[in-house]
Amino acid sequence: MSSGYHTSWKVPPEHREDPAYRAAGRRMDFAQAVYDRRSALGWTTAELARRAELSEEAIEDIEESGVDPTLELIERLATALEAGARIDPRTSPGFRFEDHAA
């Protein structure tokens, strides 16, 4: 039984090293980074899709953690989002888009 309103999930260390678990984490970090940057710019999914030359459904799939972050896709979205991409597996989240240095 949980206390309060939050449930605490305990993930055994051996599961954290499972390739499927790590891949899901990458997709989730990527999805959150795309959503955060798009939202910060005040864009709709349609606007990002237009700028990235992707379908709106593709952007929705990305933001729902349904797409693996390939280098080609990261580059395309970084250009469309007018940002650089930072990947650091030592941090959480391990992926984010950042403004270009001035």
Protein backbone atom coordinates (compact mmCIF):
# COMPACT_ATOMS: atom_id res chain seq x y z
CA MET A 1 0.00 0.00 0.00
CA SER A 2 1.27 3.45 -0.83
CA SER A 3 1.19 6.43 1.47
CA GLY A 4 -0.08 9.79 0.26
CA TYR A 5 -0.87 10.50 -3.35
CA HIS A 6 2.32 9.27 -4.98
CA THR A 7 3.44 5.79 -5.80
CA SER A 8 7.13 5.01 -5.65
CA TRP A 9 8.47 2.67 -8.31
CA LYS A 10 11.52 0.66 -7.40
CA VAL A 11 13.45 -0.50 -10.46
CA PRO A 12 15.96 -3.24 -9.70
CA PRO A 13 19.51 -2.34 -10.82
CA GLU A 14 19.66 -5.29 -13.24
CA HIS A 15 16.62 -3.91 -15.09
CA ARG A 16 18.26 -0.51 -15.51
CA GLU A 17 20.97 -2.13 -17.63
CA ASP A 18 18.50 -3.98 -19.86
CA PRO A 19 18.82 -2.65 -23.45
CA ALA A 20 15.04 -2.34 -23.83
CA TYR A 21 14.78 -0.32 -20.59
CA ARG A 22 17.59 2.00 -21.70
CA ALA A 23 16.05 2.42 -25.19
CA ALA A 24 12.69 3.35 -23.65
CA GLY A 25 14.44 5.90 -21.45
CA ARG A 26 16.14 7.46 -24.49
CA ARG A 27 12.82 7.72 -26.32
CA MET A 28 11.20 9.33 -23.27
CA ASP A 29 14.04 11.86 -22.83
CA PHE A 30 13.92 12.70 -26.54
CA ALA A 31 10.13 13.10 -26.48
CA GLN A 32 10.31 15.42 -23.48
CA ALA A 33 13.10 17.49 -25.03
CA VAL A 34 11.15 17.99 -28.28
CA TYR A 35 7.98 18.90 -26.39
CA ASP A 36 9.80 21.27 -24.02
CA ARG A 37 11.59 23.14 -26.81
CA ARG A 38 8.50 23.32 -29.03
CA SER A 39 6.44 24.62 -26.11
CA ALA A 40 9.10 27.17 -25.14
CA LEU A 41 8.94 28.53 -28.69
CA GLY A 42 5.14 28.67 -28.52
CA TRP A 43 4.75 26.41 -31.53
CA THR A 44 2.05 23.87 -32.27
CA THR A 45 2.90 20.38 -33.46
CA ALA A 46 1.75 21.53 -36.92
CA GLU A 47 4.27 24.39 -36.90
CA LEU A 48 7.15 22.13 -35.89
CA ALA A 49 6.09 19.56 -38.49
CA ARG A 50 6.13 22.25 -41.18
CA ARG A 51 9.56 23.53 -40.16
CA ALA A 52 11.05 20.03 -39.86
CA GLU A 53 9.39 18.84 -43.07
CA LEU A 54 7.70 15.99 -41.22
CA SER A 55 4.05 15.10 -40.80
CA GLU A 56 2.17 16.29 -37.76
CA GLU A 57 1.57 12.62 -36.94
CA ALA A 58 5.35 12.06 -36.92
CA ILE A 59 5.80 14.89 -34.40
CA GLU A 60 3.02 13.46 -32.24
CA ASP A 61 4.66 10.00 -32.39
CA ILE A 62 7.97 11.52 -31.31
CA GLU A 63 6.35 13.40 -28.41
CA GLU A 64 4.58 10.21 -27.31
CA SER A 65 7.94 8.37 -26.99
CA GLY A 66 7.18 6.25 -30.03
CA VAL A 67 10.26 7.06 -32.09
CA ASP A 68 13.93 6.18 -31.57
CA PRO A 69 16.13 9.28 -31.72
CA THR A 70 18.35 8.67 -34.75
CA LEU A 71 21.14 11.09 -35.57
CA GLU A 72 19.35 12.19 -38.76
CA LEU A 73 16.15 12.93 -36.83
CA ILE A 74 18.01 14.77 -34.06
CA GLU A 75 19.79 16.96 -36.63
CA ARG A 76 16.55 17.68 -38.50
CA LEU A 77 14.69 18.65 -35.33
CA ALA A 78 17.58 20.68 -33.91
CA THR A 79 17.65 22.74 -37.11
CA ALA A 80 13.87 23.18 -37.09
CA LEU A 81 13.88 24.05 -33.38
CA GLU A 82 16.70 26.55 -33.90
CA ALA A 83 18.73 24.81 -31.20
CA GLY A 84 21.66 22.61 -30.48
CA ALA A 85 21.21 19.09 -29.15
CA ARG A 86 22.97 17.93 -25.99
CA ILE A 87 23.23 14.25 -25.12
CA ASP A 88 24.77 13.28 -21.77
CA PRO A 89 23.89 9.82 -20.42
CA ARG A 90 25.32 10.80 -17.01
CA THR A 91 22.51 13.27 -16.41
CA SER A 92 18.78 12.96 -16.16
CA PRO A 93 17.27 13.72 -18.55
CA GLY A 94 20.09 12.65 -20.81
CA PHE A 95 18.89 14.60 -23.83
CA ARG A 96 17.89 18.24 -24.33
CA PHE A 97 17.73 20.99 -26.91
CA GLU A 98 19.51 24.23 -26.03
CA ASP A 99 19.63 27.72 -27.51
CA HIS A 100 22.61 28.34 -29.72
CA ALA A 101 25.36 30.30 -27.99
CA ALA A 102 25.19 33.99 -28.77
